[in-house]
Amino acid sequence: MADDGTGAGSAPSAHDASLSIDDVEVVTFSAVVARLVAAYPSLSAARIEGVLLREWEAFSAGRPIVVPVAVEAGVREVLDAG
């Protein structure tokens, strides 16, 4: 079986699958949290999420790689309103 990065030796699910956007390999936030919670059971999910968010901000300089389509629709509403 493929290693999913947790050391468990199970094949990753579609939820855990990574993809490349603008030459950056990405995975869902929840998949990363799940793997880290499994790898660091003595830490709370909230602590792990906080560290993950800080690392994301440092890595991305605050600029998202992807945005939900609904965000674009909201931006259009603001721009259309003047």
Protein backbone atom coordinates (compact mmCIF):
# COMPACT_ATOMS: atom_id res chain seq x y z
CA MET A 1 0.00 0.00 0.00
CA ALA A 2 1.02 3.61 -0.55
CA ASP A 3 2.20 5.65 2.39
CA ASP A 4 -0.09 8.62 3.11
CA GLY A 5 2.51 10.55 5.06
CA THR A 6 1.18 9.54 8.47
CA GLY A 7 3.20 6.37 8.68
CA ALA A 8 -0.02 4.36 8.76
CA GLY A 9 0.72 2.80 5.37
CA SER A 10 -2.80 3.24 4.01
CA ALA A 11 -3.56 4.61 0.57
CA PRO A 12 -4.65 8.26 0.57
CA SER A 13 -8.31 8.95 -0.13
CA ALA A 14 -9.54 11.38 -2.78
CA HIS A 15 -10.00 13.86 0.09
CA ASP A 16 -6.26 13.65 0.84
CA ALA A 17 -5.11 13.83 -2.77
CA SER A 18 -2.90 16.73 -3.73
CA LEU A 19 -2.99 18.69 -6.95
CA SER A 20 -0.83 21.34 -8.50
CA ILE A 21 -2.03 24.93 -8.95
CA ASP A 22 0.37 27.48 -10.42
CA ASP A 23 3.18 24.95 -9.93
CA VAL A 24 2.44 24.67 -6.19
CA GLU A 25 1.35 21.30 -4.79
CA VAL A 26 -1.76 21.84 -2.65
CA VAL A 27 -4.03 19.72 -0.46
CA THR A 28 -7.15 20.53 1.54
CA PHE A 29 -6.77 22.24 4.89
CA SER A 30 -8.82 19.53 6.59
CA ALA A 31 -6.61 16.77 5.14
CA VAL A 32 -3.48 18.42 6.54
CA VAL A 33 -5.11 18.91 9.94
CA ALA A 34 -6.26 15.28 10.02
CA ARG A 35 -2.76 14.00 9.22
CA LEU A 36 -1.12 16.27 11.79
CA VAL A 37 -3.66 15.40 14.51
CA ALA A 38 -2.89 11.72 13.88
CA ALA A 39 0.87 12.39 13.94
CA TYR A 40 0.74 14.60 17.07
CA PRO A 41 -2.03 13.14 19.26
CA SER A 42 -0.88 15.04 22.36
CA LEU A 43 -1.69 18.37 20.67
CA SER A 44 -5.19 19.77 20.20
CA ALA A 45 -6.63 20.24 16.74
CA ALA A 46 -7.03 23.95 17.56
CA ARG A 47 -3.28 24.26 18.32
CA ILE A 48 -2.39 22.44 15.10
CA GLU A 49 -4.77 24.63 13.07
CA GLY A 50 -3.22 27.76 14.58
CA VAL A 51 0.29 26.66 13.64
CA LEU A 52 -0.90 25.64 10.17
CA LEU A 53 -2.50 29.05 9.60
CA ARG A 54 0.67 30.88 10.72
CA GLU A 55 2.82 28.72 8.45
CA TRP A 56 0.41 29.29 5.56
CA GLU A 57 0.61 33.06 6.05
CA ALA A 58 4.42 32.93 6.15
CA PHE A 59 4.57 30.72 3.06
CA SER A 60 2.03 32.62 0.99
CA ALA A 61 2.69 36.17 2.19
CA GLY A 62 -1.07 36.39 2.70
CA ARG A 63 -1.93 35.93 -0.99
CA PRO A 64 -4.23 32.96 -1.63
CA ILE A 65 -3.44 30.48 -4.39
CA VAL A 66 -7.12 29.65 -4.83
CA VAL A 67 -10.40 31.29 -3.84
CA PRO A 68 -13.92 29.91 -3.77
CA VAL A 69 -15.98 30.88 -6.82
CA ALA A 70 -18.48 32.54 -4.46
CA VAL A 71 -15.75 35.00 -3.41
CA GLU A 72 -15.39 36.15 -7.00
CA ALA A 73 -19.14 36.66 -7.16
CA GLY A 74 -18.95 38.78 -4.01
CA VAL A 75 -16.14 40.88 -5.48
CA ARG A 76 -18.24 41.44 -8.60
CA GLU A 77 -21.15 42.65 -6.44
CA VAL A 78 -18.87 45.14 -4.67
CA LEU A 79 -17.33 46.37 -7.92
CA ASP A 80 -20.72 46.66 -9.64
CA ALA A 81 -22.03 48.72 -6.70
CA GLY A 82 -19.34 51.29 -7.36
